[in-house]
N, C-alpha and C. Protein backbone atom coordinates (compact mmCIF):
# COMPACT_ATOMS: atom_id res chain seq x y z
N MET A 1 0.73 -1.19 -0.12
CA MET A 1 0.09 0.05 -0.01
C MET A 1 0.82 1.14 -0.04
N SER A 2 0.31 2.07 -0.92
CA SER A 2 0.85 3.42 -1.09
C SER A 2 0.46 4.68 -0.55
N VAL A 3 0.75 5.82 0.29
CA VAL A 3 -0.27 6.65 0.52
C VAL A 3 0.80 8.21 0.56
N THR A 4 -0.09 9.08 0.23
CA THR A 4 0.86 10.00 -0.25
C THR A 4 0.42 11.31 0.91
N ILE A 5 1.14 12.02 1.39
CA ILE A 5 1.16 13.09 2.16
C ILE A 5 1.95 14.17 1.96
N SER A 6 1.50 15.51 1.97
CA SER A 6 2.09 16.75 1.87
C SER A 6 3.50 16.94 2.59
N ARG A 7 4.38 17.51 2.04
CA ARG A 7 5.52 17.62 2.94
C ARG A 7 5.18 18.82 4.07
N MET A 8 4.15 19.92 3.95
CA MET A 8 3.61 20.89 4.68
C MET A 8 3.00 19.98 5.77
N LEU A 9 2.24 19.24 5.62
CA LEU A 9 1.39 18.13 6.72
C LEU A 9 2.37 17.45 7.11
N LEU A 10 3.35 16.69 6.89
CA LEU A 10 4.30 16.07 7.56
C LEU A 10 5.23 16.64 8.68
N ASP A 11 5.50 18.01 8.08
CA ASP A 11 6.58 19.22 8.72
C ASP A 11 5.70 19.28 9.97
N GLN A 12 4.29 19.61 9.95
CA GLN A 12 3.41 19.92 10.79
C GLN A 12 3.38 18.96 11.95
N ILE A 13 3.23 17.65 11.49
CA ILE A 13 3.16 16.72 12.62
C ILE A 13 4.12 16.51 13.25
N GLN A 14 5.44 16.96 12.68
CA GLN A 14 7.06 16.46 13.20
C GLN A 14 7.05 17.67 14.21
N ALA A 15 6.60 18.93 13.73
CA ALA A 15 6.56 20.04 14.64
C ALA A 15 6.18 19.82 15.99
N ILE A 16 4.63 19.32 15.50
CA ILE A 16 3.72 19.13 17.06
C ILE A 16 4.65 18.33 18.07
N ALA A 17 5.32 17.08 17.19
CA ALA A 17 5.99 16.22 17.95
C ALA A 17 7.13 16.52 18.81
N ALA A 18 7.93 17.60 18.26
CA ALA A 18 9.20 18.05 18.57
C ALA A 18 8.81 18.95 19.59
N ALA A 19 7.54 19.69 19.79
CA ALA A 19 7.37 20.65 20.73
C ALA A 19 6.91 19.90 21.80
N ASP A 20 6.51 18.58 22.11
CA ASP A 20 6.28 17.78 23.42
C ASP A 20 7.45 16.88 23.87
N ARG A 21 7.36 16.42 24.94
CA ARG A 21 8.29 15.24 25.42
C ARG A 21 7.45 14.13 25.57
N ALA A 22 6.00 14.57 25.56
CA ALA A 22 4.99 13.39 26.07
C ALA A 22 4.63 12.89 24.28
N GLU A 23 3.91 11.52 24.29
CA GLU A 23 3.49 11.38 22.93
C GLU A 23 2.36 12.23 22.45
N VAL A 24 2.51 12.65 21.46
CA VAL A 24 1.46 13.31 20.63
C VAL A 24 0.59 12.61 19.85
N CYS A 25 -0.68 13.07 19.18
CA CYS A 25 -1.67 12.64 18.58
C CYS A 25 -2.50 13.26 17.93
N GLY A 26 -3.02 12.44 16.96
CA GLY A 26 -4.35 13.26 15.87
C GLY A 26 -4.58 12.08 15.21
N LEU A 27 -5.75 12.78 14.34
CA LEU A 27 -6.34 12.01 13.31
C LEU A 27 -5.68 12.47 11.83
N LEU A 28 -5.87 11.30 11.15
CA LEU A 28 -5.36 11.68 9.58
C LEU A 28 -6.64 11.34 8.73
N LEU A 29 -6.94 12.50 8.19
CA LEU A 29 -8.21 12.94 7.25
C LEU A 29 -7.95 12.57 5.77
N GLY A 30 -8.62 11.95 4.78
CA GLY A 30 -8.35 11.91 3.62
C GLY A 30 -9.28 10.83 2.90
N ALA A 31 -8.65 10.24 1.91
CA ALA A 31 -9.22 8.93 1.08
C ALA A 31 -8.19 8.19 0.85
N ALA A 32 -8.66 7.05 0.53
CA ALA A 32 -7.80 6.06 -0.27
C ALA A 32 -6.70 6.45 -0.94
N GLY A 33 -5.41 6.20 -0.25
CA GLY A 33 -4.03 6.19 -0.94
C GLY A 33 -3.64 7.92 -0.78
N ARG A 34 -4.43 8.67 -0.01
CA ARG A 34 -3.87 10.03 0.51
C ARG A 34 -4.25 10.65 1.84
N ILE A 35 -3.30 11.24 2.36
CA ILE A 35 -3.59 12.18 3.76
C ILE A 35 -3.72 13.49 3.20
N ASP A 36 -5.28 14.27 3.60
CA ASP A 36 -5.17 15.51 2.92
C ASP A 36 -5.27 16.41 4.05
N ALA A 37 -5.68 15.95 5.24
CA ALA A 37 -5.33 16.94 6.59
C ALA A 37 -5.21 16.20 7.55
N ILE A 38 -4.70 16.86 8.63
CA ILE A 38 -4.94 16.21 10.07
C ILE A 38 -5.81 16.98 11.03
N ALA A 39 -6.13 16.65 12.22
CA ALA A 39 -6.68 16.94 13.10
C ALA A 39 -6.19 16.79 14.52
N PRO A 40 -5.04 17.40 14.97
CA PRO A 40 -4.49 17.23 16.24
C PRO A 40 -5.28 16.90 17.67
N ALA A 41 -5.00 16.15 18.31
CA ALA A 41 -5.96 15.75 19.70
C ALA A 41 -5.45 15.90 20.68
N ALA A 42 -5.70 16.06 21.95
CA ALA A 42 -5.14 15.94 23.03
C ALA A 42 -5.00 14.40 23.46
N ASN A 43 -3.73 14.40 24.13
CA ASN A 43 -3.28 12.95 24.63
C ASN A 43 -3.76 12.59 25.78
N VAL A 44 -4.88 12.21 26.26
CA VAL A 44 -5.74 12.20 27.31
C VAL A 44 -5.14 10.62 28.15
N ALA A 45 -4.06 10.16 27.92
CA ALA A 45 -3.86 8.76 28.46
C ALA A 45 -3.21 9.19 29.94
N PRO A 46 -3.24 8.15 30.93
CA PRO A 46 -2.76 8.25 31.98
C PRO A 46 -1.37 8.68 32.19
N ASP A 47 -0.72 7.73 31.16
CA ASP A 47 0.79 7.97 31.09
C ASP A 47 1.21 8.24 29.75
N PRO A 48 0.85 9.95 29.34
CA PRO A 48 1.16 10.32 28.14
C PRO A 48 2.79 10.09 27.65
N ALA A 49 3.67 10.31 28.55
CA ALA A 49 5.06 10.01 28.16
C ALA A 49 5.30 8.80 27.53
N ARG A 50 4.28 7.69 27.70
CA ARG A 50 4.61 6.23 27.06
C ARG A 50 3.57 5.89 26.56
N HIS A 51 2.19 6.37 26.38
CA HIS A 51 1.12 6.04 25.77
C HIS A 51 0.39 7.09 25.29
N PHE A 52 -0.54 6.70 24.10
CA PHE A 52 -1.26 7.97 23.73
C PHE A 52 -2.96 7.14 23.90
N GLU A 53 -3.89 8.41 24.15
CA GLU A 53 -5.07 7.95 23.83
C GLU A 53 -5.56 9.14 23.29
N LEU A 54 -6.50 9.07 22.30
CA LEU A 54 -6.93 10.29 21.50
C LEU A 54 -8.04 10.82 22.37
N ASP A 55 -8.19 12.14 22.71
CA ASP A 55 -9.43 12.91 23.35
C ASP A 55 -10.77 12.20 22.78
N PRO A 56 -11.50 11.52 23.31
CA PRO A 56 -12.91 11.30 23.04
C PRO A 56 -13.58 12.47 22.19
N VAL A 57 -13.63 13.53 22.84
CA VAL A 57 -14.40 14.51 22.33
C VAL A 57 -13.89 14.86 21.11
N ALA A 58 -12.49 14.97 20.48
CA ALA A 58 -12.17 15.41 19.44
C ALA A 58 -12.55 14.24 18.16
N LEU A 59 -12.38 12.94 18.87
CA LEU A 59 -12.69 11.85 17.87
C LEU A 59 -14.24 11.66 17.67
N ILE A 60 -15.14 12.07 18.57
CA ILE A 60 -16.40 12.11 18.21
C ILE A 60 -16.59 13.25 17.42
N ALA A 61 -16.41 14.27 17.52
CA ALA A 61 -16.46 15.48 16.72
C ALA A 61 -16.07 15.06 15.18
N ALA A 62 -14.95 14.56 14.92
CA ALA A 62 -14.34 14.28 13.73
C ALA A 62 -15.30 13.24 13.01
N HIS A 63 -15.79 12.31 13.77
CA HIS A 63 -16.67 11.31 13.21
C HIS A 63 -18.14 11.63 12.77
N ARG A 64 -18.50 12.95 13.53
CA ARG A 64 -19.87 13.62 13.13
C ARG A 64 -19.60 14.45 12.03
N VAL A 65 -18.44 15.14 11.58
CA VAL A 65 -18.13 15.52 10.71
C VAL A 65 -18.14 14.81 9.38
N ALA A 66 -17.26 13.61 9.44
CA ALA A 66 -17.40 12.80 8.55
C ALA A 66 -18.62 12.15 8.09
N ARG A 67 -19.61 11.96 8.82
CA ARG A 67 -20.84 11.38 8.71
C ARG A 67 -21.52 12.48 7.99
N ALA A 68 -21.38 13.67 8.07
CA ALA A 68 -22.20 14.82 7.60
C ALA A 68 -21.61 15.23 6.27
N GLY A 69 -20.63 14.15 5.58
CA GLY A 69 -19.97 14.33 4.26
C GLY A 69 -18.64 15.28 4.47
N GLY A 70 -18.22 15.58 5.55
CA GLY A 70 -17.02 16.18 5.51
C GLY A 70 -15.73 15.00 5.48
N ALA A 71 -14.65 15.54 5.63
CA ALA A 71 -13.55 14.76 5.73
C ALA A 71 -13.20 13.40 6.57
N GLN A 72 -12.81 12.68 5.79
CA GLN A 72 -12.88 11.10 6.43
C GLN A 72 -11.69 10.73 7.03
N ILE A 73 -11.94 9.98 8.27
CA ILE A 73 -11.01 9.54 9.07
C ILE A 73 -10.43 8.55 8.64
N ILE A 74 -8.78 8.30 8.31
CA ILE A 74 -8.25 7.12 7.48
C ILE A 74 -7.42 6.65 8.38
N GLY A 75 -7.11 7.16 9.77
CA GLY A 75 -6.29 6.64 10.54
C GLY A 75 -5.86 7.63 11.70
N HIS A 76 -4.48 7.45 12.40
CA HIS A 76 -4.00 8.51 13.06
C HIS A 76 -2.78 8.44 13.20
N TYR A 77 -2.04 9.40 13.79
CA TYR A 77 -0.59 9.69 13.98
C TYR A 77 -0.61 9.84 15.51
N HIS A 78 0.81 9.50 15.87
CA HIS A 78 1.22 9.48 16.88
C HIS A 78 2.71 9.68 17.16
N SER A 79 3.17 9.81 18.45
CA SER A 79 4.76 10.16 18.35
C SER A 79 5.64 9.04 19.19
N HIS A 80 6.68 8.67 18.99
CA HIS A 80 7.42 7.80 19.99
C HIS A 80 8.59 8.80 20.18
N PRO A 81 8.46 9.68 21.38
CA PRO A 81 9.60 10.55 21.51
C PRO A 81 10.73 10.12 21.71
N SER A 82 10.91 8.99 22.54
CA SER A 82 12.35 8.36 22.79
C SER A 82 12.48 7.06 22.39
N GLY A 83 11.63 6.59 20.98
CA GLY A 83 12.04 5.40 20.65
C GLY A 83 11.80 5.58 19.03
N VAL A 84 11.60 4.38 18.29
CA VAL A 84 11.45 4.48 16.87
C VAL A 84 10.41 4.56 16.56
N ALA A 85 10.10 4.75 15.16
CA ALA A 85 9.04 4.90 14.47
C ALA A 85 8.45 3.63 13.89
N VAL A 86 8.26 2.79 14.99
CA VAL A 86 7.94 1.33 14.83
C VAL A 86 6.71 1.14 15.75
N PRO A 87 5.52 0.38 15.63
CA PRO A 87 4.49 0.09 16.40
C PRO A 87 5.08 -0.48 17.55
N SER A 88 4.64 -0.22 18.90
CA SER A 88 5.14 -0.88 20.06
C SER A 88 4.13 -1.99 20.49
N ALA A 89 4.36 -2.97 21.56
CA ALA A 89 3.51 -3.77 22.05
C ALA A 89 2.22 -2.99 22.42
N THR A 90 2.57 -2.03 22.99
CA THR A 90 1.22 -1.11 23.58
C THR A 90 0.17 -0.74 22.47
N ASP A 91 0.75 -0.17 21.38
CA ASP A 91 0.31 0.15 20.03
C ASP A 91 -0.55 -1.10 19.58
N ALA A 92 -0.19 -2.29 19.45
CA ALA A 92 -0.75 -3.63 19.32
C ALA A 92 -1.68 -4.08 20.04
N ALA A 93 -1.49 -3.87 21.45
CA ALA A 93 -2.84 -4.09 22.39
C ALA A 93 -3.83 -3.14 22.32
N CYS A 94 -3.54 -2.11 22.03
CA CYS A 94 -4.48 -1.10 21.79
C CYS A 94 -5.28 -0.90 20.23
N ALA A 95 -4.74 -1.62 19.44
CA ALA A 95 -5.26 -1.44 18.00
C ALA A 95 -6.40 -2.46 17.74
N ALA A 96 -7.26 -2.14 16.52
CA ALA A 96 -8.13 -2.67 16.02
C ALA A 96 -7.64 -3.42 14.80
N PRO A 97 -7.77 -4.21 14.33
CA PRO A 97 -7.54 -5.19 13.11
C PRO A 97 -8.42 -4.36 11.69
N ASP A 98 -8.58 -3.04 11.78
CA ASP A 98 -9.69 -2.22 10.93
C ASP A 98 -8.83 -1.94 9.58
N GLY A 99 -7.75 -2.06 9.42
CA GLY A 99 -7.34 -1.59 8.14
C GLY A 99 -6.95 0.07 8.19
N SER A 100 -6.95 0.48 9.40
CA SER A 100 -6.74 2.11 9.52
C SER A 100 -5.10 2.39 9.36
N LEU A 101 -4.79 3.49 8.97
CA LEU A 101 -3.24 3.95 9.07
C LEU A 101 -2.78 4.49 10.40
N TRP A 102 -1.57 3.98 10.53
CA TRP A 102 -1.01 4.44 11.73
C TRP A 102 0.25 5.12 11.29
N LEU A 103 0.28 6.67 11.42
CA LEU A 103 1.62 7.13 11.14
C LEU A 103 2.44 7.39 12.25
N ILE A 104 3.57 6.93 12.20
CA ILE A 104 4.31 7.09 13.70
C ILE A 104 5.48 7.70 13.37
N VAL A 105 5.68 8.81 14.24
CA VAL A 105 7.08 9.76 14.23
C VAL A 105 7.95 9.64 15.46
N ALA A 106 9.08 9.72 14.94
CA ALA A 106 10.25 9.69 16.17
C ALA A 106 11.16 10.47 15.76
N GLY A 107 11.44 11.76 16.29
CA GLY A 107 12.38 12.84 15.58
C GLY A 107 12.13 12.74 13.99
N ALA A 108 13.08 12.92 13.31
CA ALA A 108 12.94 12.86 11.94
C ALA A 108 12.26 11.76 11.32
N ASP A 109 12.20 10.66 11.72
CA ASP A 109 11.82 9.46 11.00
C ASP A 109 10.35 9.38 11.02
N ALA A 110 9.60 9.13 10.11
CA ALA A 110 8.27 8.86 9.92
C ALA A 110 8.01 7.66 9.22
N ARG A 111 7.31 6.95 9.90
CA ARG A 111 6.74 5.74 9.03
C ARG A 111 5.19 5.27 9.11
N LEU A 112 4.77 4.68 8.22
CA LEU A 112 3.24 4.45 7.96
C LEU A 112 3.22 3.03 8.20
N TRP A 113 1.78 2.62 8.81
CA TRP A 113 1.66 1.31 8.97
C TRP A 113 0.09 0.80 8.90
N VAL A 114 -0.28 -0.08 8.57
CA VAL A 114 -1.53 -0.36 8.53
C VAL A 114 -1.96 -1.57 9.53
N ALA A 115 -3.03 -1.37 10.19
CA ALA A 115 -3.58 -2.19 11.47
C ALA A 115 -4.37 -3.24 10.64
N GLN A 116 -3.74 -4.48 10.68
CA GLN A 116 -4.43 -5.81 9.95
C GLN A 116 -4.68 -7.03 10.94
N GLY A 117 -5.54 -8.06 10.71
CA GLY A 117 -5.82 -9.16 11.66
C GLY A 117 -4.50 -9.91 11.18
N ASP A 118 -4.17 -10.61 12.39
CA ASP A 118 -2.99 -11.55 12.43
C ASP A 118 -3.34 -13.20 12.29
N GLY A 119 -4.69 -13.30 12.20
CA GLY A 119 -5.17 -14.56 11.94
C GLY A 119 -5.40 -15.08 13.20
N ALA A 120 -5.03 -14.49 14.44
CA ALA A 120 -5.22 -15.07 15.81
C ALA A 120 -6.23 -14.05 16.67
N ALA A 121 -6.91 -13.50 16.13
CA ALA A 121 -7.76 -12.27 16.88
C ALA A 121 -6.90 -11.36 17.28
N GLY A 122 -5.77 -11.23 16.71
CA GLY A 122 -4.87 -9.97 17.36
C GLY A 122 -4.59 -9.00 16.13
N VAL A 123 -3.66 -8.10 16.27
CA VAL A 123 -3.15 -7.07 15.24
C VAL A 123 -1.85 -7.44 14.81
N ARG A 124 -1.54 -6.93 13.79
CA ARG A 124 -0.20 -7.17 13.10
C ARG A 124 -0.21 -5.77 12.34
N PHE A 125 1.14 -5.24 12.21
CA PHE A 125 1.05 -3.79 11.48
C PHE A 125 1.97 -4.29 10.25
N ALA A 126 1.26 -3.73 8.98
CA ALA A 126 1.95 -4.16 7.87
C ALA A 126 2.53 -2.79 7.45
N PRO A 127 3.95 -2.92 6.91
CA PRO A 127 4.40 -1.49 6.62
C PRO A 127 3.79 -0.89 4.92
N ALA A 128 3.57 0.30 5.16
CA ALA A 128 3.08 0.98 3.97
C ALA A 128 4.10 1.96 3.39
N THR A 129 4.05 2.08 2.39
CA THR A 129 4.82 3.31 1.74
C THR A 129 4.42 4.65 2.02
N LEU A 130 5.02 5.60 2.37
CA LEU A 130 4.37 7.05 2.69
C LEU A 130 5.39 7.71 1.57
N ARG A 131 4.62 8.20 0.81
CA ARG A 131 5.10 9.23 -0.39
C ARG A 131 4.69 10.88 0.15
N VAL A 132 6.02 11.40 0.50
CA VAL A 132 5.93 12.79 0.66
C VAL A 132 6.25 13.60 -0.38
N GLU A 133 5.20 14.50 -0.95
CA GLU A 133 5.08 15.40 -2.14
C GLU A 133 5.33 16.82 -1.47
């Protein structure tokens, strides 16, 4: 799978991540094969330095906009401030095998993943190509 994102959007995500020592998160909006916009959200996890949880108010608002014909949610982004841009065990435990995109940033590195079923009622992350334009 290959997905396109603008340099401006990716730079924006990386700037948000660089400005915070905790994990940051938000939604990816767009359509198949492209990320058109982001919707930053508060990280409401009990331990935001090691985990992220999207603010449910922001998530519900984005779903309402999508149902009304607005931007569609195709996944989310989050940062690993002291790690690598690879899904963690915590990410796998919290993910649903629904085909959503997971954009993970760690410093200047950004990698895209797709949450898929692993055949045993769990989740595996398949790498996807992130094309920056």
